[in-house]
């Protein structure tokens, strides 16, 4: 199926459903394929494996509890599970589960001091991701 067929199908499908795509998003009034742009984008787009990893990363970061944990660690530098549990008002078990997910994604690291385990952000990339994301959602 070529691009013209896909666009035609999408427009027909929307018409059948009673949707008017033009009311939802601005679209081209004509079909004009810019091969130079398509070639550049295809050349520079990561492969499917890396795009899947990126999508999985955003799923992990997209969880409200996990993002709260990351922000708490950003503010405090490092925190134990007990403190995270108190700040987020969730059980230690729930916090531990989320920390395990974050650790497997290399977003947090931990260190043990006696019977206490302290967590912190893994590196500056995580801080940068949080800072850029926060700036983006607060743009006017």
Protein backbone atom coordinates (compact mmCIF):
# COMPACT_ATOMS: atom_id res chain seq x y z
CA UNK A 1 0.00 0.00 0.00
CA UNK A 2 1.51 3.36 -0.98
CA UNK A 3 1.19 6.64 0.91
CA UNK A 4 -1.66 7.92 -1.28
CA UNK A 5 -3.66 4.76 -0.59
CA UNK A 6 -3.07 5.09 3.15
CA UNK A 7 -4.21 8.71 3.21
CA UNK A 8 -7.25 7.92 1.08
CA UNK A 9 -8.11 4.98 3.35
CA UNK A 10 -7.75 7.16 6.46
CA UNK A 11 -10.00 9.84 4.99
CA UNK A 12 -12.64 7.33 3.85
CA UNK A 13 -12.55 5.56 7.23
CA UNK A 14 -13.02 8.87 9.05
CA UNK A 15 -15.90 9.79 6.74
CA UNK A 16 -17.63 6.46 7.35
CA UNK A 17 -17.25 6.90 11.11
CA UNK A 18 -18.70 10.38 10.81
CA UNK A 19 -15.46 12.07 11.84
CA UNK A 20 -14.15 15.03 9.97
CA UNK A 21 -10.36 14.81 10.16
CA UNK A 22 -10.02 18.44 9.09
CA UNK A 23 -11.70 19.49 12.35
CA UNK A 24 -9.13 17.56 14.36
CA UNK A 25 -5.83 18.31 12.64
CA UNK A 26 -4.62 20.40 9.76
CA UNK A 27 -3.74 18.23 6.78
CA UNK A 28 -2.34 18.88 3.33
CA UNK A 29 -4.87 19.80 0.68
CA UNK A 30 -2.86 17.91 -1.93
CA UNK A 31 -0.61 14.87 -1.95
CA UNK A 32 2.98 15.90 -2.55
CA UNK A 33 5.73 13.55 -1.43
CA UNK A 34 9.05 15.23 -0.61
CA UNK A 35 11.49 12.43 -1.40
CA UNK A 36 14.54 14.31 -0.10
CA UNK A 37 12.94 14.69 3.33
CA UNK A 38 11.73 11.09 3.38
CA UNK A 39 15.21 9.83 2.46
CA UNK A 40 16.85 11.94 5.20
CA UNK A 41 14.36 10.85 7.86
CA UNK A 42 14.64 7.17 6.97
CA UNK A 43 18.44 7.41 7.03
CA UNK A 44 18.55 9.09 10.44
CA UNK A 45 15.72 7.26 12.22
CA UNK A 46 16.96 4.66 14.71
CA UNK A 47 16.24 1.01 13.95
CA UNK A 48 13.15 -0.69 15.36
CA UNK A 49 15.04 -2.31 18.24
CA UNK A 50 16.26 1.05 19.49
CA UNK A 51 12.87 2.69 18.95
CA UNK A 52 11.28 -0.11 20.98
CA UNK A 53 13.81 0.48 23.76
CA UNK A 54 12.99 4.18 23.69
CA UNK A 55 9.25 3.47 23.82
CA UNK A 56 9.81 1.12 26.78
CA UNK A 57 11.87 3.83 28.48
CA UNK A 58 9.03 6.34 28.16
CA UNK A 59 6.56 3.77 29.50
CA UNK A 60 8.75 3.38 32.58
CA UNK A 61 9.19 7.12 33.09
CA UNK A 62 5.50 7.70 32.33
CA UNK A 63 4.27 6.08 35.54
CA UNK A 64 3.13 8.66 38.12
CA UNK A 65 4.64 6.87 41.13
CA UNK A 66 7.96 6.33 39.40
CA UNK A 67 8.17 9.95 38.30
CA UNK A 68 7.46 11.04 41.89
CA UNK A 69 10.27 8.78 43.08
CA UNK A 70 12.64 10.23 40.50
CA UNK A 71 11.73 13.80 41.51
CA UNK A 72 12.16 13.00 45.19
CA UNK A 73 15.62 11.61 44.45
CA UNK A 74 16.40 14.64 42.32
CA UNK A 75 15.56 16.93 45.26
CA UNK A 76 17.20 14.91 48.03
CA UNK A 77 20.19 13.46 46.22
CA UNK A 78 19.61 10.08 47.84
CA UNK A 79 16.89 8.56 49.98
CA UNK A 80 16.17 5.29 51.70
CA UNK A 81 13.03 3.28 50.96
CA UNK A 82 11.52 4.33 54.32
CA UNK A 83 11.86 8.02 53.45
CA UNK A 84 10.51 7.53 49.94
CA UNK A 85 7.59 5.63 51.40
CA UNK A 86 6.84 8.51 53.79
CA UNK A 87 7.15 11.21 51.11
CA UNK A 88 4.95 9.40 48.60
CA UNK A 89 2.58 8.04 51.27
CA UNK A 90 2.81 4.53 49.85
CA UNK A 91 3.87 1.23 51.36
CA UNK A 92 7.52 0.22 51.38
CA UNK A 93 6.54 -2.77 49.28
CA UNK A 94 4.99 -0.54 46.60
CA UNK A 95 8.04 1.75 46.61
CA UNK A 96 10.44 -1.21 46.46
CA UNK A 97 8.61 -2.61 43.45
CA UNK A 98 8.87 0.70 41.59
CA UNK A 99 12.53 1.09 42.55
CA UNK A 100 13.23 -2.35 41.10
CA UNK A 101 11.71 -1.26 37.78
CA UNK A 102 13.71 1.99 37.84
CA UNK A 103 16.90 0.14 38.71
CA UNK A 104 16.41 -2.38 35.87
CA UNK A 105 16.05 0.59 33.51
CA UNK A 106 19.32 2.08 34.84
CA UNK A 107 17.53 5.18 36.09
CA UNK A 108 18.46 4.74 39.75
CA UNK A 109 21.31 3.15 41.64
CA UNK A 110 21.64 2.10 45.25
CA UNK A 111 24.16 1.68 48.00
CA UNK A 112 23.88 -0.22 51.26
CA UNK A 113 24.93 1.21 54.59
CA UNK A 114 24.40 -1.40 57.27
CA UNK A 115 20.72 -2.33 57.17
CA UNK A 116 19.70 0.76 55.21
CA UNK A 117 19.59 0.95 51.41
CA UNK A 118 19.93 4.39 49.83
CA UNK A 119 18.77 5.15 46.29
CA UNK A 120 19.85 7.97 44.02
CA UNK A 121 19.56 8.94 40.36
CA UNK A 122 21.91 6.88 38.24
CA UNK A 123 23.57 9.75 36.37
CA UNK A 124 23.22 13.26 34.95
CA UNK A 125 21.17 11.95 32.00
CA UNK A 126 18.29 11.18 34.34
CA UNK A 127 18.43 14.67 35.85
CA UNK A 128 18.53 16.19 32.37
CA UNK A 129 15.52 14.13 31.24
CA UNK A 130 13.53 15.29 34.28
CA UNK A 131 14.57 18.93 33.82
CA UNK A 132 13.76 19.01 30.10
CA UNK A 133 10.46 17.17 30.60
CA UNK A 134 9.41 19.53 33.39
CA UNK A 135 10.36 22.58 31.32
CA UNK A 136 8.37 21.25 28.38
CA UNK A 137 5.14 20.64 30.30
CA UNK A 138 5.37 24.11 31.86
CA UNK A 139 5.83 26.04 28.61
CA UNK A 140 3.25 28.71 27.99
